[in-house]
Each structure stands twice: as C-alpha cells, then as structure tokens.
Amino acid sequence: MELFVQYTAWQNYAAFQFANAEVDEAKAEASVRFAEATGMVKAFGPATKVTEIRAEIAVDPEIVRVKDEAFKAYAQRKLTKVIHDNCERCVFVVSRELSRRIGAAGSERRNNRWTP
C-alpha cells in the first residue's frame, strides 16, 4: 500500500507539472501572436502587401526568439505529458496488484476459518 501511496504522490506532482507546462505553452503562444501583430502594425504601409510584411516579420530577431521560446514550451509540455502518463500507468499497475491481492486474501481468510 505504501508503494501505491508513493506512486499516487508522484502522479499528483507530475499532473501539477503538466498543468504548469500547458500554461507556459499558452503564454508562449500568446507572446508569438502579440509579437507578430505588433510587427504587422509597425510594418504596415500604404504600398505594402501582407505577404511581404509576413515575410519580413518571419525573419525579425524578436519574432524568431519568441517562436523559439514557444517551441521550447511545447517540447517541455510533451515531455512532461510522457512523465505524467508513465506515473499514471504505474499507479494503475500497483492498484490492480493490490486489488488482486486483497481479493485473494479475502477468500484465503474464508477458507482458513472453516478448516481445522
């Protein structure tokens, strides 16, 4: 049972880290959208095309930096999800084993009660 409690605690910790990673990823994506919108407003002029503006923005060092941060946040979320899922599987394995042993112990106790 102690092993089950430990795995459950690790699963709770991994779930918390996973939620933090999702929030960080959302913030990073919002930063990318904000930086791109800001770049569009700054670069827009009467004779410019949207395609040209987007091309200029794509190579802007600030845009490249925030996109890199967004990718790192995405990668962190994916890796944290793997850890969370692994903890969850371990909890289920231990839970099934506990259920199996508790179920077997009940029938053994009933049998031992009636045998001299």
PDB file of N, CA and C in Angstrom:
ATOM      1  N   MET A   1       0.823  -1.194   0.000  1.00  0.00           N
ATOM      2  CA  MET A   1       0.000   0.000   0.000  1.00  0.00           C
ATOM      3  C   MET A   1       0.868   1.260   0.000  1.00  0.00           C
ATOM      4  N   GLU A   2       2.010   1.173   0.679  1.00  0.00           N
ATOM      5  CA  GLU A   2       2.912   2.324   0.723  1.00  0.00           C
ATOM      6  C   GLU A   2       3.425   2.674  -0.679  1.00  0.00           C
ATOM      7  N   LEU A   3       3.694   1.655  -1.485  1.00  0.00           N
ATOM      8  CA  LEU A   3       4.128   1.882  -2.864  1.00  0.00           C
ATOM      9  C   LEU A   3       3.035   2.601  -3.654  1.00  0.00           C
ATOM     10  N   PHE A   4       1.796   2.197  -3.439  1.00  0.00           N
ATOM     11  CA  PHE A   4       0.664   2.837  -4.115  1.00  0.00           C
ATOM     12  C   PHE A   4       0.575   4.314  -3.731  1.00  0.00           C
ATOM     13  N   VAL A   5       0.751   4.611  -2.462  1.00  0.00           N
ATOM     14  CA  VAL A   5       0.708   5.998  -1.983  1.00  0.00           C
ATOM     15  C   VAL A   5       1.837   6.821  -2.616  1.00  0.00           C
ATOM     16  N   GLN A   6       3.022   6.234  -2.691  1.00  0.00           N
ATOM     17  CA  GLN A   6       4.157   6.950  -3.289  1.00  0.00           C
ATOM     18  C   GLN A   6       3.911   7.230  -4.775  1.00  0.00           C
ATOM     19  N   TYR A   7       3.441   6.213  -5.505  1.00  0.00           N
ATOM     20  CA  TYR A   7       3.160   6.425  -6.928  1.00  0.00           C
ATOM     21  C   TYR A   7       2.055   7.457  -7.128  1.00  0.00           C
ATOM     22  N   THR A   8       1.061   7.434  -6.268  1.00  0.00           N
ATOM     23  CA  THR A   8      -0.023   8.413  -6.369  1.00  0.00           C
ATOM     24  C   THR A   8       0.515   9.823  -6.123  1.00  0.00           C
ATOM     25  N   ALA A   9       1.405   9.968  -5.158  1.00  0.00           N
ATOM     26  CA  ALA A   9       2.009  11.281  -4.895  1.00  0.00           C
ATOM     27  C   ALA A   9       2.819  11.751  -6.102  1.00  0.00           C
ATOM     28  N   TRP A  10       3.581  10.853  -6.714  1.00  0.00           N
ATOM     29  CA  TRP A  10       4.360  11.225  -7.896  1.00  0.00           C
ATOM     30  C   TRP A  10       3.436  11.572  -9.064  1.00  0.00           C
ATOM     31  N   GLN A  11       2.329  10.855  -9.168  1.00  0.00           N
ATOM     32  CA  GLN A  11       1.372  11.171 -10.234  1.00  0.00           C
ATOM     33  C   GLN A  11       0.780  12.560 -10.017  1.00  0.00           C
ATOM     34  N   ASN A  12       0.449  12.882  -8.776  1.00  0.00           N
ATOM     35  CA  ASN A  12      -0.077  14.211  -8.474  1.00  0.00           C
ATOM     36  C   ASN A  12       0.944  15.290  -8.818  1.00  0.00           C
ATOM     37  N   TYR A  13       2.201  15.052  -8.478  1.00  0.00           N
ATOM     38  CA  TYR A  13       3.266  16.009  -8.800  1.00  0.00           C
ATOM     39  C   TYR A  13       3.411  16.169 -10.314  1.00  0.00           C
ATOM     40  N   ALA A  14       3.386  15.045 -11.034  1.00  0.00           N
ATOM     41  CA  ALA A  14       3.516  15.100 -12.495  1.00  0.00           C
ATOM     42  C   ALA A  14       2.327  15.822 -13.117  1.00  0.00           C
ATOM     43  N   ALA A  15       1.135  15.629 -12.570  1.00  0.00           N
ATOM     44  CA  ALA A  15      -0.047  16.328 -13.081  1.00  0.00           C
ATOM     45  C   ALA A  15       0.089  17.834 -12.873  1.00  0.00           C
ATOM     46  N   PHE A  16       0.622  18.225 -11.727  1.00  0.00           N
ATOM     47  CA  PHE A  16       0.845  19.642 -11.449  1.00  0.00           C
ATOM     48  C   PHE A  16       1.866  20.229 -12.432  1.00  0.00           C
ATOM     49  N   GLN A  17       2.955  19.515 -12.652  1.00  0.00           N
ATOM     50  CA  GLN A  17       3.976  19.978 -13.596  1.00  0.00           C
ATOM     51  C   GLN A  17       3.425  20.044 -15.018  1.00  0.00           C
ATOM     52  N   PHE A  18       2.586  19.082 -15.372  1.00  0.00           N
ATOM     53  CA  PHE A  18       1.974  19.064 -16.698  1.00  0.00           C
ATOM     54  C   PHE A  18       1.067  20.280 -16.883  1.00  0.00           C
ATOM     55  N   ALA A  19       0.286  20.608 -15.862  1.00  0.00           N
ATOM     56  CA  ALA A  19      -0.578  21.789 -15.938  1.00  0.00           C
ATOM     57  C   ALA A  19       0.253  23.060 -16.073  1.00  0.00           C
ATOM     58  N   ASN A  20       1.347  23.149 -15.328  1.00  0.00           N
ATOM     59  CA  ASN A  20       2.241  24.307 -15.453  1.00  0.00           C
ATOM     60  C   ASN A  20       2.819  24.406 -16.860  1.00  0.00           C
ATOM     61  N   ALA A  21       3.196  23.266 -17.432  1.00  0.00           N
ATOM     62  CA  ALA A  21       3.758  23.257 -18.784  1.00  0.00           C
ATOM     63  C   ALA A  21       2.714  23.714 -19.803  1.00  0.00           C
ATOM     64  N   GLU A  22       1.459  23.314 -19.603  1.00  0.00           N
ATOM     65  CA  GLU A  22       0.400  23.764 -20.514  1.00  0.00           C
ATOM     66  C   GLU A  22       0.201  25.276 -20.418  1.00  0.00           C
ATOM     67  N   VAL A  23       0.250  25.806 -19.215  1.00  0.00           N
ATOM     68  CA  VAL A  23       0.103  27.253 -19.028  1.00  0.00           C
ATOM     69  C   VAL A  23       1.281  27.985 -19.672  1.00  0.00           C
ATOM     70  N   ASP A  24       2.491  27.483 -19.469  1.00  0.00           N
ATOM     71  CA  ASP A  24       3.672  28.104 -20.069  1.00  0.00           C
ATOM     72  C   ASP A  24       3.589  28.084 -21.592  1.00  0.00           C
ATOM     73  N   GLU A  25       3.097  26.983 -22.144  1.00  0.00           N
ATOM     74  CA  GLU A  25       2.956  26.889 -23.599  1.00  0.00           C
ATOM     75  C   GLU A  25       1.932  27.901 -24.105  1.00  0.00           C
ATOM     76  N   ALA A  26       0.823  28.038 -23.409  1.00  0.00           N
ATOM     77  CA  ALA A  26      -0.199  29.012 -23.814  1.00  0.00           C
ATOM     78  C   ALA A  26       0.347  30.439 -23.753  1.00  0.00           C
ATOM     79  N   LYS A  27       1.112  30.743 -22.714  1.00  0.00           N
ATOM     80  CA  LYS A  27       1.728  32.076 -22.609  1.00  0.00           C
ATOM     81  C   LYS A  27       2.688  32.319 -23.771  1.00  0.00           C
ATOM     82  N   ALA A  28       3.484  31.311 -24.103  1.00  0.00           N
ATOM     83  CA  ALA A  28       4.458  31.458 -25.191  1.00  0.00           C
ATOM     84  C   ALA A  28       3.746  31.660 -26.528  1.00  0.00           C
ATOM     85  N   GLU A  29       2.660  30.927 -26.751  1.00  0.00           N
ATOM     86  CA  GLU A  29       1.906  31.097 -27.997  1.00  0.00           C
ATOM     87  C   GLU A  29       1.276  32.491 -28.066  1.00  0.00           C
ATOM     88  N   ALA A  30       0.797  32.984 -26.920  1.00  0.00           N
ATOM     89  CA  ALA A  30       0.230  34.328 -26.882  1.00  0.00           C
ATOM     90  C   ALA A  30       1.309  35.371 -27.168  1.00  0.00           C
ATOM     91  N   SER A  31       2.510  35.138 -26.678  1.00  0.00           N
ATOM     92  CA  SER A  31       3.621  36.062 -26.951  1.00  0.00           C
ATOM     93  C   SER A  31       3.953  36.100 -28.432  1.00  0.00           C
ATOM     94  N   VAL A  32       3.903  34.940 -29.071  1.00  0.00           N
ATOM     95  CA  VAL A  32       4.173  34.885 -30.519  1.00  0.00           C
ATOM     96  C   VAL A  32       3.107  35.684 -31.269  1.00  0.00           C
ATOM     97  N   ARG A  33       1.839  35.454 -30.934  1.00  0.00           N
ATOM     98  CA  ARG A  33       0.757  36.178 -31.613  1.00  0.00           C
ATOM     99  C   ARG A  33       0.874  37.688 -31.391  1.00  0.00           C
ATOM    100  N   PHE A  34       1.219  38.086 -30.167  1.00  0.00           N
ATOM    101  CA  PHE A  34       1.370  39.504 -29.866  1.00  0.00           C
ATOM    102  C   PHE A  34       2.533  40.111 -30.648  1.00  0.00           C
ATOM    103  N   ALA A  35       3.660  39.415 -30.676  1.00  0.00           N
ATOM    104  CA  ALA A  35       4.831  39.934 -31.395  1.00  0.00           C
ATOM    105  C   ALA A  35       4.548  40.034 -32.891  1.00  0.00           C
ATOM    106  N   GLU A  36       3.852  39.041 -33.433  1.00  0.00           N
ATOM    107  CA  GLU A  36       3.521  39.092 -34.861  1.00  0.00           C
ATOM    108  C   GLU A  36       2.545  40.230 -35.153  1.00  0.00           C
ATOM    109  N   ALA A  37       1.560  40.426 -34.306  1.00  0.00           N
ATOM    110  CA  ALA A  37       0.601  41.512 -34.516  1.00  0.00           C
ATOM    111  C   ALA A  37       1.281  42.873 -34.405  1.00  0.00           C
ATOM    112  N   THR A  38       2.169  42.988 -33.430  1.00  0.00           N
ATOM    113  CA  THR A  38       2.913  44.238 -33.272  1.00  0.00           C
ATOM    114  C   THR A  38       3.764  44.512 -34.508  1.00  0.00           C
ATOM    115  N   GLY A  39       4.423  43.474 -34.998  1.00  0.00           N
ATOM    116  CA  GLY A  39       5.231  43.629 -36.208  1.00  0.00           C
ATOM    117  C   GLY A  39       4.399  44.001 -37.417  1.00  0.00           C
ATOM    118  N   MET A  40       3.201  43.444 -37.510  1.00  0.00           N
ATOM    119  CA  MET A  40       2.312  43.777 -38.631  1.00  0.00           C
ATOM    120  C   MET A  40       1.918  45.257 -38.583  1.00  0.00           C
ATOM    121  N   VAL A  41       1.591  45.729 -37.404  1.00  0.00           N
ATOM    122  CA  VAL A  41       1.169  47.128 -37.259  1.00  0.00           C
ATOM    123  C   VAL A  41       2.322  48.067 -37.594  1.00  0.00           C
ATOM    124  N   LYS A  42       3.522  47.742 -37.128  1.00  0.00           N
ATOM    125  CA  LYS A  42       4.677  48.605 -37.381  1.00  0.00           C
ATOM    126  C   LYS A  42       5.066  48.627 -38.859  1.00  0.00           C
ATOM    127  N   ALA A  43       4.951  47.481 -39.527  1.00  0.00           N
ATOM    128  CA  ALA A  43       5.430  47.383 -40.905  1.00  0.00           C
ATOM    129  C   ALA A  43       4.377  47.764 -41.934  1.00  0.00           C
ATOM    130  N   PHE A  44       3.138  47.896 -41.525  1.00  0.00           N
ATOM    131  CA  PHE A  44       2.078  48.138 -42.499  1.00  0.00           C
ATOM    132  C   PHE A  44       2.160  49.555 -43.046  1.00  0.00           C
ATOM    133  N   GLY A  45       2.040  49.633 -44.355  1.00  0.00           N
ATOM    134  CA  GLY A  45       2.068  50.938 -45.028  1.00  0.00           C
ATOM    135  C   GLY A  45       1.119  50.910 -46.214  1.00  0.00           C
ATOM    136  N   PRO A  46       0.983  52.027 -46.890  1.00  0.00           N
ATOM    137  CA  PRO A  46       0.009  52.093 -47.998  1.00  0.00           C
ATOM    138  C   PRO A  46       0.395  51.223 -49.198  1.00  0.00           C
ATOM    139  N   ALA A  47       1.686  51.030 -49.454  1.00  0.00           N
ATOM    140  CA  ALA A  47       2.088  50.302 -50.659  1.00  0.00           C
ATOM    141  C   ALA A  47       2.630  48.905 -50.340  1.00  0.00           C
ATOM    142  N   THR A  48       2.433  48.423 -49.133  1.00  0.00           N
ATOM    143  CA  THR A  48       2.983  47.107 -48.775  1.00  0.00           C
ATOM    144  C   THR A  48       1.914  46.037 -48.859  1.00  0.00           C
ATOM    145  N   LYS A  49       2.369  44.861 -49.192  1.00  0.00           N
ATOM    146  CA  LYS A  49       1.471  43.710 -49.260  1.00  0.00           C
ATOM    147  C   LYS A  49       1.613  42.901 -47.978  1.00  0.00           C
ATOM    148  N   VAL A  50       0.536  42.246 -47.613  1.00  0.00           N
ATOM    149  CA  VAL A  50       0.523  41.453 -46.382  1.00  0.00           C
ATOM    150  C   VAL A  50       1.557  40.339 -46.458  1.00  0.00           C
ATOM    151  N   THR A  51       1.700  39.735 -47.619  1.00  0.00           N
ATOM    152  CA  THR A  51       2.676  38.658 -47.783  1.00  0.00           C
ATOM    153  C   THR A  51       4.094  39.151 -47.532  1.00  0.00           C
ATOM    154  N   GLU A  52       4.403  40.320 -48.029  1.00  0.00           N
ATOM    155  CA  GLU A  52       5.727  40.901 -47.810  1.00  0.00           C
ATOM    156  C   GLU A  52       5.951  41.203 -46.326  1.00  0.00           C
ATOM    157  N   ILE A  53       4.923  41.729 -45.680  1.00  0.00           N
ATOM    158  CA  ILE A  53       5.038  42.049 -44.257  1.00  0.00           C
ATOM    159  C   ILE A  53       5.272  40.776 -43.453  1.00  0.00           C
ATOM    160  N   ARG A  54       4.518  39.744 -43.758  1.00  0.00           N
ATOM    161  CA  ARG A  54       4.698  38.474 -43.040  1.00  0.00           C
ATOM    162  C   ARG A  54       6.094  37.908 -43.256  1.00  0.00           C
ATOM    163  N   ALA A  55       6.620  38.051 -44.456  1.00  0.00           N
ATOM    164  CA  ALA A  55       7.977  37.571 -44.734  1.00  0.00           C
ATOM    165  C   ALA A  55       9.001  38.359 -43.922  1.00  0.00           C
ATOM    166  N   GLU A  56       8.817  39.662 -43.823  1.00  0.00           N
ATOM    167  CA  GLU A  56       9.721  40.493 -43.022  1.00  0.00           C
ATOM    168  C   GLU A  56       9.635  40.118 -41.543  1.00  0.00           C
ATOM    169  N   ILE A  57       8.436  39.909 -41.077  1.00  0.00           N
ATOM    170  CA  ILE A  57       8.231  39.566 -39.667  1.00  0.00           C
ATOM    171  C   ILE A  57       8.855  38.211 -39.350  1.00  0.00           C
ATOM    172  N   ALA A  58       8.757  37.261 -40.259  1.00  0.00           N
ATOM    173  CA  ALA A  58       9.261  35.906 -40.015  1.00  0.00           C
ATOM    174  C   ALA A  58      10.755  35.883 -39.730  1.00  0.00           C
ATOM    175  N   VAL A  59      11.502  36.828 -40.283  1.00  0.00           N
ATOM    176  CA  VAL A  59      12.945  36.847 -40.065  1.00  0.00           C
ATOM    177  C   VAL A  59      13.385  37.863 -39.013  1.00  0.00           C
ATOM    178  N   ASP A  60      12.441  38.565 -38.441  1.00  0.00           N
ATOM    179  CA  ASP A  60      12.749  39.523 -37.377  1.00  0.00           C
ATOM    180  C   ASP A  60      13.322  38.762 -36.176  1.00  0.00           C
ATOM    181  N   PRO A  61      14.455  39.227 -35.606  1.00  0.00           N
ATOM    182  CA  PRO A  61      15.080  38.507 -34.491  1.00  0.00           C
ATOM    183  C   PRO A  61      14.165  38.338 -33.272  1.00  0.00           C
ATOM    184  N   GLU A  62      13.336  39.323 -32.996  1.00  0.00           N
ATOM    185  CA  GLU A  62      12.413  39.218 -31.852  1.00  0.00           C
ATOM    186  C   GLU A  62      11.369  38.122 -32.094  1.00  0.00           C
ATOM    187  N   ILE A  63      10.854  38.055 -33.306  1.00  0.00           N
ATOM    188  CA  ILE A  63       9.868  37.020 -33.653  1.00  0.00           C
ATOM    189  C   ILE A  63      10.524  35.642 -33.587  1.00  0.00           C
ATOM    190  N   VAL A  64      11.720  35.537 -34.100  1.00  0.00           N
ATOM    191  CA  VAL A  64      12.443  34.259 -34.061  1.00  0.00           C
ATOM    192  C   VAL A  64      12.663  33.828 -32.617  1.00  0.00           C
ATOM    193  N   ARG A  65      12.998  34.786 -31.752  1.00  0.00           N
ATOM    194  CA  ARG A  65      13.232  34.460 -30.340  1.00  0.00           C
ATOM    195  C   ARG A  65      11.957  33.952 -29.656  1.00  0.00           C
ATOM    196  N   VAL A  66      10.832  34.657 -29.848  1.00  0.00           N
ATOM    197  CA  VAL A  66       9.603  34.232 -29.177  1.00  0.00           C
ATOM    198  C   VAL A  66       9.078  32.918 -29.751  1.00  0.00           C
ATOM    199  N   LYS A  67       9.298  32.688 -31.044  1.00  0.00           N
ATOM    200  CA  LYS A  67       8.895  31.401 -31.626  1.00  0.00           C
ATOM    201  C   LYS A  67       9.745  30.272 -31.064  1.00  0.00           C
ATOM    202  N   ASP A  68      11.027  30.548 -30.845  1.00  0.00           N
ATOM    203  CA  ASP A  68      11.909  29.542 -30.242  1.00  0.00           C
ATOM    204  C   ASP A  68      11.452  29.219 -28.817  1.00  0.00           C
ATOM    205  N   GLU A  69      11.077  30.253 -28.062  1.00  0.00           N
ATOM    206  CA  GLU A  69      10.569  30.039 -26.706  1.00  0.00           C
ATOM    207  C   GLU A  69       9.265  29.240 -26.733  1.00  0.00           C
ATOM    208  N   ALA A  70       8.420  29.508 -27.716  1.00  0.00           N
ATOM    209  CA  ALA A  70       7.161  28.767 -27.841  1.00  0.00           C
ATOM    210  C   ALA A  70       7.434  27.303 -28.156  1.00  0.00           C
ATOM    211  N   PHE A  71       8.431  27.045 -28.998  1.00  0.00           N
ATOM    212  CA  PHE A  71       8.771  25.660 -29.307  1.00  0.00           C
ATOM    213  C   PHE A  71       9.332  24.947 -28.081  1.00  0.00           C
ATOM    214  N   LYS A  72      10.150  25.640 -27.306  1.00  0.00           N
ATOM    215  CA  LYS A  72      10.682  25.044 -26.076  1.00  0.00           C
ATOM    216  C   LYS A  72       9.562  24.732 -25.090  1.00  0.00           C
ATOM    217  N   ALA A  73       8.582  25.616 -24.991  1.00  0.00           N
ATOM    218  CA  ALA A  73       7.440  25.372 -24.103  1.00  0.00           C
ATOM    219  C   ALA A  73       6.625  24.180 -24.589  1.00  0.00           C
ATOM    220  N   TYR A  74       6.472  24.064 -25.903  1.00  0.00           N
ATOM    221  CA  TYR A  74       5.762  22.910 -26.487  1.00  0.00           C
ATOM    222  C   TYR A  74       6.502  21.619 -26.167  1.00  0.00           C
ATOM    223  N   ALA A  75       7.819  21.625 -26.349  1.00  0.00           N
ATOM    224  CA  ALA A  75       8.619  20.428 -26.074  1.00  0.00           C
ATOM    225  C   ALA A  75       8.552  20.054 -24.600  1.00  0.00           C
ATOM    226  N   GLN A  76       8.593  21.053 -23.723  1.00  0.00           N
ATOM    227  CA  GLN A  76       8.504  20.795 -22.286  1.00  0.00           C
ATOM    228  C   GLN A  76       7.165  20.170 -21.927  1.00  0.00           C
ATOM    229  N   ARG A  77       6.094  20.670 -22.540  1.00  0.00           N
ATOM    230  CA  ARG A  77       4.767  20.108 -22.274  1.00  0.00           C
ATOM    231  C   ARG A  77       4.689  18.658 -22.726  1.00  0.00           C
ATOM    232  N   LYS A  78       5.234  18.371 -23.894  1.00  0.00           N
ATOM    233  CA  LYS A  78       5.200  16.996 -24.410  1.00  0.00           C
ATOM    234  C   LYS A  78       5.985  16.059 -23.496  1.00  0.00           C
ATOM    235  N   LEU A  79       7.155  16.473 -23.054  1.00  0.00           N
ATOM    236  CA  LEU A  79       7.969  15.627 -22.176  1.00  0.00           C
ATOM    237  C   LEU A  79       7.305  15.441 -20.812  1.00  0.00           C
ATOM    238  N   THR A  80       6.700  16.491 -20.305  1.00  0.00           N
ATOM    239  CA  THR A  80       6.008  16.388 -19.023  1.00  0.00           C
ATOM    240  C   THR A  80       4.802  15.470 -19.146  1.00  0.00           C
ATOM    241  N   LYS A  81       4.135  15.495 -20.281  1.00  0.00           N
ATOM    242  CA  LYS A  81       2.992  14.595 -20.520  1.00  0.00           C
ATOM    243  C   LYS A  81       3.434  13.141 -20.477  1.00  0.00           C
ATOM    244  N   VAL A  82       4.587  12.841 -21.034  1.00  0.00           N
ATOM    245  CA  VAL A  82       5.106  11.473 -21.008  1.00  0.00           C
ATOM    246  C   VAL A  82       5.355  11.030 -19.563  1.00  0.00           C
ATOM    247  N   ILE A  83       5.962  11.887 -18.774  1.00  0.00           N
ATOM    248  CA  ILE A  83       6.225  11.554 -17.367  1.00  0.00           C
ATOM    249  C   ILE A  83       4.906  11.336 -16.628  1.00  0.00           C
ATOM    250  N   HIS A  84       3.937  12.209 -16.861  1.00  0.00           N
ATOM    251  CA  HIS A  84       2.628  12.067 -16.213  1.00  0.00           C
ATOM    252  C   HIS A  84       1.965  10.749 -16.604  1.00  0.00           C
ATOM    253  N   ASP A  85       1.975  10.436 -17.887  1.00  0.00           N
ATOM    254  CA  ASP A  85       1.354   9.193 -18.345  1.00  0.00           C
ATOM    255  C   ASP A  85       2.055   7.970 -17.763  1.00  0.00           C
ATOM    256  N   ASN A  86       3.376   8.008 -17.676  1.00  0.00           N
ATOM    257  CA  ASN A  86       4.113   6.892 -17.079  1.00  0.00           C
ATOM    258  C   ASN A  86       3.738   6.709 -15.610  1.00  0.00           C
ATOM    259  N   CYS A  87       3.645   7.791 -14.866  1.00  0.00           N
ATOM    260  CA  CYS A  87       3.232   7.705 -13.458  1.00  0.00           C
ATOM    261  C   CYS A  87       1.825   7.141 -13.350  1.00  0.00           C
ATOM    262  N   GLU A  88       0.956   7.565 -14.239  1.00  0.00           N
ATOM    263  CA  GLU A  88      -0.425   7.083 -14.214  1.00  0.00           C
ATOM    264  C   GLU A  88      -0.487   5.573 -14.464  1.00  0.00           C
ATOM    265  N   ARG A  89       0.292   5.096 -15.417  1.00  0.00           N
ATOM    266  CA  ARG A  89       0.327   3.654 -15.683  1.00  0.00           C
ATOM    267  C   ARG A  89       0.860   2.883 -14.482  1.00  0.00           C
ATOM    268  N   CYS A  90       1.870   3.412 -13.828  1.00  0.00           N
ATOM    269  CA  CYS A  90       2.417   2.746 -12.639  1.00  0.00           C
ATOM    270  C   CYS A  90       1.380   2.675 -11.526  1.00  0.00           C
ATOM    271  N   VAL A  91       0.632   3.743 -11.339  1.00  0.00           N
ATOM    272  CA  VAL A  91      -0.416   3.746 -10.320  1.00  0.00           C
ATOM    273  C   VAL A  91      -1.453   2.671 -10.636  1.00  0.00           C
ATOM    274  N   PHE A  92      -1.841   2.549 -11.901  1.00  0.00           N
ATOM    275  CA  PHE A  92      -2.832   1.543 -12.268  1.00  0.00           C
ATOM    276  C   PHE A  92      -2.308   0.124 -12.061  1.00  0.00           C
ATOM    277  N   VAL A  93      -1.037  -0.117 -12.382  1.00  0.00           N
ATOM    278  CA  VAL A  93      -0.454  -1.454 -12.189  1.00  0.00           C
ATOM    279  C   VAL A  93      -0.451  -1.820 -10.704  1.00  0.00           C
ATOM    280  N   VAL A  94      -0.011  -0.909  -9.863  1.00  0.00           N
ATOM    281  CA  VAL A  94       0.031  -1.178  -8.423  1.00  0.00           C
ATOM    282  C   VAL A  94      -1.389  -1.339  -7.883  1.00  0.00           C
ATOM    283  N   SER A  95      -2.311  -0.530  -8.359  1.00  0.00           N
ATOM    284  CA  SER A  95      -3.698  -0.633  -7.917  1.00  0.00           C
ATOM    285  C   SER A  95      -4.292  -1.995  -8.276  1.00  0.00           C
ATOM    286  N   ARG A  96      -4.046  -2.449  -9.496  1.00  0.00           N
ATOM    287  CA  ARG A  96      -4.547  -3.775  -9.903  1.00  0.00           C
ATOM    288  C   ARG A  96      -3.937  -4.872  -9.050  1.00  0.00           C
ATOM    289  N   GLU A  97      -2.638  -4.764  -8.780  1.00  0.00           N
ATOM    290  CA  GLU A  97      -1.976  -5.776  -7.953  1.00  0.00           C
ATOM    291  C   GLU A  97      -2.546  -5.769  -6.538  1.00  0.00           C
ATOM    292  N   LEU A  98      -2.789  -4.589  -5.983  1.00  0.00           N
ATOM    293  CA  LEU A  98      -3.401  -4.502  -4.651  1.00  0.00           C
ATOM    294  C   LEU A  98      -4.792  -5.141  -4.659  1.00  0.00           C
ATOM    295  N   SER A  99      -5.578  -4.810  -5.684  1.00  0.00           N
ATOM    296  CA  SER A  99      -6.923  -5.388  -5.772  1.00  0.00           C
ATOM    297  C   SER A  99      -6.861  -6.904  -5.879  1.00  0.00           C
ATOM    298  N   ARG A 100      -5.936  -7.408  -6.656  1.00  0.00           N
ATOM    299  CA  ARG A 100      -5.795  -8.850  -6.810  1.00  0.00           C
ATOM    300  C   ARG A 100      -5.411  -9.497  -5.484  1.00  0.00           C
ATOM    301  N   ARG A 101      -4.468  -8.907  -4.796  1.00  0.00           N
ATOM    302  CA  ARG A 101      -4.022  -9.484  -3.524  1.00  0.00           C
ATOM    303  C   ARG A 101      -5.092  -9.378  -2.444  1.00  0.00           C
ATOM    304  N   ILE A 102      -5.784  -8.263  -2.396  1.00  0.00           N
ATOM    305  CA  ILE A 102      -6.844  -8.102  -1.406  1.00  0.00           C
ATOM    306  C   ILE A 102      -7.976  -9.094  -1.685  1.00  0.00           C
ATOM    307  N   GLY A 103      -8.300  -9.266  -2.969  1.00  0.00           N
ATOM    308  CA  GLY A 103      -9.335 -10.234  -3.342  1.00  0.00           C
ATOM    309  C   GLY A 103      -8.942 -11.651  -2.985  1.00  0.00           C
ATOM    310  N   ALA A 104      -7.682 -12.004  -3.205  1.00  0.00           N
ATOM    311  CA  ALA A 104      -7.207 -13.352  -2.880  1.00  0.00           C
ATOM    312  C   ALA A 104      -7.134 -13.538  -1.371  1.00  0.00           C
ATOM    313  N   ALA A 105      -6.751 -12.524  -0.655  1.00  0.00           N
ATOM    314  CA  ALA A 105      -6.643 -12.626   0.802  1.00  0.00           C
ATOM    315  C   ALA A 105      -8.007 -12.871   1.430  1.00  0.00           C
ATOM    316  N   GLY A 106      -9.049 -12.281   0.864  1.00  0.00           N
ATOM    317  CA  GLY A 106     -10.386 -12.483   1.412  1.00  0.00           C
ATOM    318  C   GLY A 106     -10.835 -13.922   1.301  1.00  0.00           C
ATOM    319  N   SER A 107     -10.599 -14.556   0.175  1.00  0.00           N
ATOM    320  CA  SER A 107     -11.015 -15.954   0.022  1.00  0.00           C
ATOM    321  C   SER A 107     -10.142 -16.870   0.863  1.00  0.00           C
ATOM    322  N   GLU A 108      -8.874 -16.552   1.017  1.00  0.00           N
ATOM    323  CA  GLU A 108      -7.992 -17.370   1.862  1.00  0.00           C
ATOM    324  C   GLU A 108      -8.445 -17.309   3.312  1.00  0.00           C
ATOM    325  N   ARG A 109      -8.832 -16.127   3.763  1.00  0.00           N
ATOM    326  CA  ARG A 109      -9.305 -15.998   5.143  1.00  0.00           C
ATOM    327  C   ARG A 109     -10.600 -16.778   5.357  1.00  0.00           C
ATOM    328  N   ARG A 110     -11.484 -16.746   4.358  1.00  0.00           N
ATOM    329  CA  ARG A 110     -12.727 -17.508   4.482  1.00  0.00           C
ATOM    330  C   ARG A 110     -12.446 -18.998   4.531  1.00  0.00           C
ATOM    331  N   ASN A 111     -11.512 -19.470   3.717  1.00  0.00           N
ATOM    332  CA  ASN A 111     -11.154 -20.894   3.710  1.00  0.00           C
ATOM    333  C   ASN A 111     -10.510 -21.305   5.021  1.00  0.00           C
ATOM    334  N   ASN A 112      -9.645 -20.483   5.555  1.00  0.00           N
ATOM    335  CA  ASN A 112      -8.940 -20.806   6.802  1.00  0.00           C
ATOM    336  C   ASN A 112      -9.892 -20.822   7.996  1.00  0.00           C
ATOM    337  N   ARG A 113     -10.965 -20.077   7.941  1.00  0.00           N
ATOM    338  CA  ARG A 113     -11.913 -20.051   9.028  1.00  0.00           C
ATOM    339  C   ARG A 113     -12.603 -21.408   9.204  1.00  0.00           C
ATOM    340  N   TRP A 114     -12.826 -22.105   8.117  1.00  0.00           N
ATOM    341  CA  TRP A 114     -13.619 -23.332   8.167  1.00  0.00           C
ATOM    342  C   TRP A 114     -12.757 -24.590   8.212  1.00  0.00           C
ATOM    343  N   THR A 115     -11.465 -24.449   8.071  1.00  0.00           N
ATOM    344  CA  THR A 115     -10.599 -25.629   8.135  1.00  0.00           C
ATOM    345  C   THR A 115      -9.947 -25.716   9.498  1.00  0.00           C
ATOM    346  N   PRO A 116      -9.920 -26.939  10.084  1.00  0.00           N
ATOM    347  CA  PRO A 116      -9.309 -27.085  11.419  1.00  0.00           C
ATOM    348  C   PRO A 116      -7.811 -26.969  11.400  1.00  0.00           C
TER     349      PRO A 116
END
